[in-house]
Amino acid sequence: MSIRDLSDEELTTRYTEANEELARRRRVAAIPQEISDLAQQGREIGVADSVMVEAITRTPEAPAGEEL
């Protein structure tokens, strides 16, 4: 099926889904640098590496009634 065969509604839905996925991928790609930047800031103000490692590796608690 070609995108030319889609209705306007179907095309809009796929366009929205594609944009959301692109935004998610960009966010995922940016996270390692953000973590690195925050770690450097932490070191500059004296945060122990063990504290930062714990912050990254601990499992977050799920909000009440939700499962992670």
PDB file of N, CA and C in Angstrom:
ATOM      1  N   MET A   1       0.854  -1.180   0.000  1.00  0.00           N
ATOM      2  CA  MET A   1       0.000   0.000   0.000  1.00  0.00           C
ATOM      3  C   MET A   1       0.894   1.236   0.000  1.00  0.00           C
ATOM      4  N   SER A   2       0.581   2.152  -0.845  1.00  0.00           N
ATOM      5  CA  SER A   2       1.298   3.421  -0.943  1.00  0.00           C
ATOM      6  C   SER A   2       0.644   4.446  -0.013  1.00  0.00           C
ATOM      7  N   ILE A   3       1.437   5.403   0.425  1.00  0.00           N
ATOM      8  CA  ILE A   3       0.844   6.461   1.255  1.00  0.00           C
ATOM      9  C   ILE A   3      -0.183   7.259   0.464  1.00  0.00           C
ATOM     10  N   ARG A   4      -0.098   7.188  -0.830  1.00  0.00           N
ATOM     11  CA  ARG A   4      -1.087   7.891  -1.668  1.00  0.00           C
ATOM     12  C   ARG A   4      -2.473   7.265  -1.554  1.00  0.00           C
ATOM     13  N   ASP A   5      -2.506   6.023  -1.099  1.00  0.00           N
ATOM     14  CA  ASP A   5      -3.785   5.322  -0.963  1.00  0.00           C
ATOM     15  C   ASP A   5      -4.460   5.580   0.387  1.00  0.00           C
ATOM     16  N   LEU A   6      -3.765   6.250   1.294  1.00  0.00           N
ATOM     17  CA  LEU A   6      -4.315   6.497   2.622  1.00  0.00           C
ATOM     18  C   LEU A   6      -5.296   7.664   2.607  1.00  0.00           C
ATOM     19  N   SER A   7      -6.276   7.569   3.488  1.00  0.00           N
ATOM     20  CA  SER A   7      -7.184   8.708   3.649  1.00  0.00           C
ATOM     21  C   SER A   7      -6.418   9.814   4.371  1.00  0.00           C
ATOM     22  N   ASP A   8      -6.976  11.001   4.365  1.00  0.00           N
ATOM     23  CA  ASP A   8      -6.340  12.113   5.077  1.00  0.00           C
ATOM     24  C   ASP A   8      -6.168  11.775   6.558  1.00  0.00           C
ATOM     25  N   GLU A   9      -7.184  11.157   7.139  1.00  0.00           N
ATOM     26  CA  GLU A   9      -7.125  10.798   8.552  1.00  0.00           C
ATOM     27  C   GLU A   9      -6.011   9.777   8.819  1.00  0.00           C
ATOM     28  N   GLU A  10      -5.929   8.754   7.971  1.00  0.00           N
ATOM     29  CA  GLU A  10      -4.883   7.744   8.133  1.00  0.00           C
ATOM     30  C   GLU A  10      -3.493   8.359   7.951  1.00  0.00           C
ATOM     31  N   LEU A  11      -3.357   9.222   6.977  1.00  0.00           N
ATOM     32  CA  LEU A  11      -2.077   9.868   6.725  1.00  0.00           C
ATOM     33  C   LEU A  11      -1.683  10.773   7.891  1.00  0.00           C
ATOM     34  N   THR A  12      -2.637  11.508   8.422  1.00  0.00           N
ATOM     35  CA  THR A  12      -2.373  12.364   9.576  1.00  0.00           C
ATOM     36  C   THR A  12      -1.953  11.527  10.779  1.00  0.00           C
ATOM     37  N   THR A  13      -2.615  10.407  10.986  1.00  0.00           N
ATOM     38  CA  THR A  13      -2.270   9.517  12.096  1.00  0.00           C
ATOM     39  C   THR A  13      -0.846   8.999  11.943  1.00  0.00           C
ATOM     40  N   ARG A  14      -0.490   8.551  10.755  1.00  0.00           N
ATOM     41  CA  ARG A  14       0.874   8.042  10.535  1.00  0.00           C
ATOM     42  C   ARG A  14       1.908   9.153  10.668  1.00  0.00           C
ATOM     43  N   TYR A  15       1.578  10.330  10.201  1.00  0.00           N
ATOM     44  CA  TYR A  15       2.476  11.474  10.322  1.00  0.00           C
ATOM     45  C   TYR A  15       2.727  11.792  11.796  1.00  0.00           C
ATOM     46  N   THR A  16       1.655  11.809  12.578  1.00  0.00           N
ATOM     47  CA  THR A  16       1.772  12.080  14.013  1.00  0.00           C
ATOM     48  C   THR A  16       2.606  11.000  14.692  1.00  0.00           C
ATOM     49  N   GLU A  17       2.338   9.745  14.379  1.00  0.00           N
ATOM     50  CA  GLU A  17       3.095   8.636  14.971  1.00  0.00           C
ATOM     51  C   GLU A  17       4.571   8.714  14.599  1.00  0.00           C
ATOM     52  N   ALA A  18       4.856   9.055  13.354  1.00  0.00           N
ATOM     53  CA  ALA A  18       6.251   9.166  12.912  1.00  0.00           C
ATOM     54  C   ALA A  18       6.956  10.305  13.633  1.00  0.00           C
ATOM     55  N   ASN A  19       6.289  11.429  13.775  1.00  0.00           N
ATOM     56  CA  ASN A  19       6.898  12.558  14.491  1.00  0.00           C
ATOM     57  C   ASN A  19       7.142  12.228  15.958  1.00  0.00           C
ATOM     58  N   GLU A  20       6.208  11.540  16.583  1.00  0.00           N
ATOM     59  CA  GLU A  20       6.379  11.142  17.972  1.00  0.00           C
ATOM     60  C   GLU A  20       7.553  10.177  18.117  1.00  0.00           C
ATOM     61  N   GLU A  21       7.697   9.253  17.186  1.00  0.00           N
ATOM     62  CA  GLU A  21       8.805   8.302  17.229  1.00  0.00           C
ATOM     63  C   GLU A  21      10.138   9.008  16.997  1.00  0.00           C
ATOM     64  N   LEU A  22      10.172   9.942  16.080  1.00  0.00           N
ATOM     65  CA  LEU A  22      11.407  10.710  15.862  1.00  0.00           C
ATOM     66  C   LEU A  22      11.800  11.494  17.110  1.00  0.00           C
ATOM     67  N   ALA A  23      10.822  12.093  17.768  1.00  0.00           N
ATOM     68  CA  ALA A  23      11.094  12.836  19.001  1.00  0.00           C
ATOM     69  C   ALA A  23      11.614  11.894  20.086  1.00  0.00           C
ATOM     70  N   ARG A  24      11.032  10.707  20.197  1.00  0.00           N
ATOM     71  CA  ARG A  24      11.483   9.726  21.177  1.00  0.00           C
ATOM     72  C   ARG A  24      12.917   9.309  20.896  1.00  0.00           C
ATOM     73  N   ARG A  25      13.238   9.056  19.637  1.00  0.00           N
ATOM     74  CA  ARG A  25      14.600   8.649  19.266  1.00  0.00           C
ATOM     75  C   ARG A  25      15.615   9.752  19.548  1.00  0.00           C
ATOM     76  N   ARG A  26      15.244  10.982  19.275  1.00  0.00           N
ATOM     77  CA  ARG A  26      16.149  12.099  19.579  1.00  0.00           C
ATOM     78  C   ARG A  26      16.390  12.206  21.075  1.00  0.00           C
ATOM     79  N   ARG A  27      15.337  12.017  21.847  1.00  0.00           N
ATOM     80  CA  ARG A  27      15.450  12.085  23.310  1.00  0.00           C
ATOM     81  C   ARG A  27      16.358  10.978  23.827  1.00  0.00           C
ATOM     82  N   VAL A  28      16.150   9.757  23.321  1.00  0.00           N
ATOM     83  CA  VAL A  28      16.988   8.617  23.714  1.00  0.00           C
ATOM     84  C   VAL A  28      18.447   8.894  23.364  1.00  0.00           C
ATOM     85  N   ALA A  29      18.691   9.447  22.194  1.00  0.00           N
ATOM     86  CA  ALA A  29      20.064   9.739  21.771  1.00  0.00           C
ATOM     87  C   ALA A  29      20.714  10.819  22.625  1.00  0.00           C
ATOM     88  N   ALA A  30      19.926  11.748  23.153  1.00  0.00           N
ATOM     89  CA  ALA A  30      20.467  12.862  23.932  1.00  0.00           C
ATOM     90  C   ALA A  30      20.765  12.487  25.383  1.00  0.00           C
ATOM     91  N   ILE A  31      20.130  11.465  25.897  1.00  0.00           N
ATOM     92  CA  ILE A  31      20.247  11.134  27.314  1.00  0.00           C
ATOM     93  C   ILE A  31      21.681  10.843  27.759  1.00  0.00           C
ATOM     94  N   PRO A  32      22.473  10.060  27.039  1.00  0.00           N
ATOM     95  CA  PRO A  32      23.841   9.812  27.517  1.00  0.00           C
ATOM     96  C   PRO A  32      24.655  11.101  27.713  1.00  0.00           C
ATOM     97  N   GLN A  33      24.530  12.049  26.816  1.00  0.00           N
ATOM     98  CA  GLN A  33      25.264  13.305  26.970  1.00  0.00           C
ATOM     99  C   GLN A  33      24.739  14.102  28.157  1.00  0.00           C
ATOM    100  N   GLU A  34      23.429  14.098  28.347  1.00  0.00           N
ATOM    101  CA  GLU A  34      22.849  14.796  29.496  1.00  0.00           C
ATOM    102  C   GLU A  34      23.357  14.195  30.807  1.00  0.00           C
ATOM    103  N   ILE A  35      23.427  12.867  30.861  1.00  0.00           N
ATOM    104  CA  ILE A  35      23.940  12.213  32.059  1.00  0.00           C
ATOM    105  C   ILE A  35      25.394  12.596  32.284  1.00  0.00           C
ATOM    106  N   SER A  36      26.174  12.571  31.227  1.00  0.00           N
ATOM    107  CA  SER A  36      27.586  12.943  31.337  1.00  0.00           C
ATOM    108  C   SER A  36      27.745  14.377  31.824  1.00  0.00           C
ATOM    109  N   ASP A  37      26.960  15.279  31.285  1.00  0.00           N
ATOM    110  CA  ASP A  37      27.020  16.685  31.698  1.00  0.00           C
ATOM    111  C   ASP A  37      26.641  16.843  33.173  1.00  0.00           C
ATOM    112  N   LEU A  38      25.583  16.157  33.596  1.00  0.00           N
ATOM    113  CA  LEU A  38      25.165  16.236  34.992  1.00  0.00           C
ATOM    114  C   LEU A  38      26.214  15.625  35.922  1.00  0.00           C
ATOM    115  N   ALA A  39      26.835  14.531  35.498  1.00  0.00           N
ATOM    116  CA  ALA A  39      27.881  13.920  36.314  1.00  0.00           C
ATOM    117  C   ALA A  39      29.047  14.887  36.486  1.00  0.00           C
ATOM    118  N   GLN A  40      29.423  15.570  35.417  1.00  0.00           N
ATOM    119  CA  GLN A  40      30.517  16.538  35.513  1.00  0.00           C
ATOM    120  C   GLN A  40      30.144  17.676  36.469  1.00  0.00           C
ATOM    121  N   GLN A  41      28.916  18.147  36.370  1.00  0.00           N
ATOM    122  CA  GLN A  41      28.463  19.193  37.294  1.00  0.00           C
ATOM    123  C   GLN A  41      28.496  18.686  38.730  1.00  0.00           C
ATOM    124  N   GLY A  42      28.078  17.445  38.933  1.00  0.00           N
ATOM    125  CA  GLY A  42      28.099  16.862  40.262  1.00  0.00           C
ATOM    126  C   GLY A  42      29.509  16.786  40.821  1.00  0.00           C
ATOM    127  N   ARG A  43      30.443  16.340  39.989  1.00  0.00           N
ATOM    128  CA  ARG A  43      31.842  16.260  40.440  1.00  0.00           C
ATOM    129  C   ARG A  43      32.378  17.645  40.813  1.00  0.00           C
ATOM    130  N   GLU A  44      32.011  18.640  40.018  1.00  0.00           N
ATOM    131  CA  GLU A  44      32.495  20.002  40.268  1.00  0.00           C
ATOM    132  C   GLU A  44      32.019  20.551  41.606  1.00  0.00           C
ATOM    133  N   ILE A  45      30.876  20.088  42.075  1.00  0.00           N
ATOM    134  CA  ILE A  45      30.369  20.589  43.364  1.00  0.00           C
ATOM    135  C   ILE A  45      30.566  19.586  44.494  1.00  0.00           C
ATOM    136  N   GLY A  46      31.276  18.498  44.199  1.00  0.00           N
ATOM    137  CA  GLY A  46      31.641  17.571  45.250  1.00  0.00           C
ATOM    138  C   GLY A  46      30.724  16.394  45.496  1.00  0.00           C
ATOM    139  N   VAL A  47      29.858  16.082  44.570  1.00  0.00           N
ATOM    140  CA  VAL A  47      29.001  14.908  44.733  1.00  0.00           C
ATOM    141  C   VAL A  47      29.854  13.659  44.481  1.00  0.00           C
ATOM    142  N   ALA A  48      29.779  12.706  45.384  1.00  0.00           N
ATOM    143  CA  ALA A  48      30.556  11.476  45.246  1.00  0.00           C
ATOM    144  C   ALA A  48      30.065  10.656  44.060  1.00  0.00           C
ATOM    145  N   ASP A  49      31.007  10.030  43.356  1.00  0.00           N
ATOM    146  CA  ASP A  49      30.639   9.182  42.223  1.00  0.00           C
ATOM    147  C   ASP A  49      29.651   8.098  42.644  1.00  0.00           C
ATOM    148  N   SER A  50      29.829   7.548  43.839  1.00  0.00           N
ATOM    149  CA  SER A  50      28.931   6.480  44.297  1.00  0.00           C
ATOM    150  C   SER A  50      27.491   6.975  44.416  1.00  0.00           C
ATOM    151  N   VAL A  51      27.313   8.221  44.788  1.00  0.00           N
ATOM    152  CA  VAL A  51      25.970   8.801  44.882  1.00  0.00           C
ATOM    153  C   VAL A  51      25.354   8.924  43.493  1.00  0.00           C
ATOM    154  N   MET A  52      26.163   9.339  42.527  1.00  0.00           N
ATOM    155  CA  MET A  52      25.651   9.484  41.161  1.00  0.00           C
ATOM    156  C   MET A  52      25.340   8.128  40.536  1.00  0.00           C
ATOM    157  N   VAL A  53      26.194   7.138  40.790  1.00  0.00           N
ATOM    158  CA  VAL A  53      25.945   5.792  40.271  1.00  0.00           C
ATOM    159  C   VAL A  53      24.646   5.252  40.854  1.00  0.00           C
ATOM    160  N   GLU A  54      24.440   5.445  42.141  1.00  0.00           N
ATOM    161  CA  GLU A  54      23.206   4.992  42.786  1.00  0.00           C
ATOM    162  C   GLU A  54      21.983   5.670  42.154  1.00  0.00           C
ATOM    163  N   ALA A  55      22.106   6.948  41.879  1.00  0.00           N
ATOM    164  CA  ALA A  55      20.978   7.686  41.287  1.00  0.00           C
ATOM    165  C   ALA A  55      20.612   7.138  39.914  1.00  0.00           C
ATOM    166  N   ILE A  56      21.596   6.666  39.187  1.00  0.00           N
ATOM    167  CA  ILE A  56      21.329   6.160  37.836  1.00  0.00           C
ATOM    168  C   ILE A  56      20.868   4.710  37.851  1.00  0.00           C
ATOM    169  N   THR A  57      21.379   3.924  38.778  1.00  0.00           N
ATOM    170  CA  THR A  57      21.111   2.490  38.725  1.00  0.00           C
ATOM    171  C   THR A  57      19.933   2.025  39.569  1.00  0.00           C
ATOM    172  N   ARG A  58      19.454   2.845  40.479  1.00  0.00           N
ATOM    173  CA  ARG A  58      18.328   2.378  41.298  1.00  0.00           C
ATOM    174  C   ARG A  58      17.058   2.316  40.460  1.00  0.00           C
ATOM    175  N   THR A  59      16.205   1.389  40.826  1.00  0.00           N
ATOM    176  CA  THR A  59      14.929   1.221  40.137  1.00  0.00           C
ATOM    177  C   THR A  59      13.948   2.224  40.721  1.00  0.00           C
ATOM    178  N   PRO A  60      13.344   3.037  39.863  1.00  0.00           N
ATOM    179  CA  PRO A  60      12.368   4.009  40.386  1.00  0.00           C
ATOM    180  C   PRO A  60      11.135   3.296  40.914  1.00  0.00           C
ATOM    181  N   GLU A  61      10.531   3.902  41.900  1.00  0.00           N
ATOM    182  CA  GLU A  61       9.291   3.353  42.436  1.00  0.00           C
ATOM    183  C   GLU A  61       8.142   3.742  41.516  1.00  0.00           C
ATOM    184  N   ALA A  62       7.263   2.801  41.290  1.00  0.00           N
ATOM    185  CA  ALA A  62       6.085   3.060  40.460  1.00  0.00           C
ATOM    186  C   ALA A  62       5.091   3.880  41.268  1.00  0.00           C
ATOM    187  N   PRO A  63       4.412   4.821  40.598  1.00  0.00           N
ATOM    188  CA  PRO A  63       3.348   5.548  41.290  1.00  0.00           C
ATOM    189  C   PRO A  63       2.278   4.560  41.761  1.00  0.00           C
ATOM    190  N   ALA A  64       1.574   4.930  42.787  1.00  0.00           N
ATOM    191  CA  ALA A  64       0.545   4.049  43.360  1.00  0.00           C
ATOM    192  C   ALA A  64      -0.408   3.565  42.268  1.00  0.00           C
ATOM    193  N   GLY A  65      -0.618   2.275  42.236  1.00  0.00           N
ATOM    194  CA  GLY A  65      -1.548   1.700  41.277  1.00  0.00           C
ATOM    195  C   GLY A  65      -0.965   1.443  39.904  1.00  0.00           C
ATOM    196  N   GLU A  66       0.315   1.758  39.705  1.00  0.00           N
ATOM    197  CA  GLU A  66       0.944   1.539  38.404  1.00  0.00           C
ATOM    198  C   GLU A  66       2.117   0.589  38.558  1.00  0.00           C
ATOM    199  N   GLU A  67       2.453  -0.060  37.466  1.00  0.00           N
ATOM    200  CA  GLU A  67       3.585  -0.965  37.457  1.00  0.00           C
ATOM    201  C   GLU A  67       4.586  -0.476  36.430  1.00  0.00           C
ATOM    202  N   LEU A  68       5.862  -0.479  36.793  1.00  0.00           N
ATOM    203  CA  LEU A  68       6.901  -0.067  35.834  1.00  0.00           C
ATOM    204  C   LEU A  68       7.265  -1.210  34.933  1.00  0.00           C
TER     205      LEU A  68
END
